[in-house]
Amino acid sequence: MLMKIRKQILSTCILLLGVVLAHGQTTATTSGGEASGSGGTATYTVGQVVYHTHSGTNGSVAEGVQQPYGISVVTGIEETAISLINISAYPNPTTEFLKLKVESEKFENLEFQLYDMQGKLLQSNKLTGNETEINMSTYTPAIYFVRVVKTNGRLSQSIKEFKIIKN
């Protein structure tokens, strides 16, 4: 009888020790979601306070809730005349007018598109010279995006994008 009690106590201690020492990947997340805009999409988790990264000769692994994953395929690299066009936007932040300056003689078929944070197109117009003014005075203070595109019939190719802060 005494031997049976000792075996039960020993097996209970081993079981409790195993439970105490065993652990898995756990987290106490309070919230999370997906944010998207004209620049892409990102997922996020609120509440993850600790994570570890382990690196080796073959790569690295990050423990945690969110793991980035992306595939990029390069089919060819071609330098065109479009990539040689230098465009700047100023002043940024702005209050009333934003200027787009094109430092190239080839500004035909170029247009700007003004978007809000939700991706709604607010304004679109052709660039007619080396400097174009965009009236921002009617918009509320927020972050906006300006995309300069080259149009060719129904096709349009994005050349440059700007994140604009309106005060």
Foldseek 3Di string as FASTA:
>chain_A
DVVVVVVVVVVVVVVVVVVVPDDDDDFDFDDWDKDAFPVGIDTDTHGGDDKDKDADPVGIDIDDDDDDDDDDDDPDDDDDVLQVWDWDWDDAADAFKIKIAIPDPPQPQKKKWKAARRRDTDDIDGDDDRMDIDTPNVDDFDKMKMWIWGDDPPDIDTRDMDIGTHD
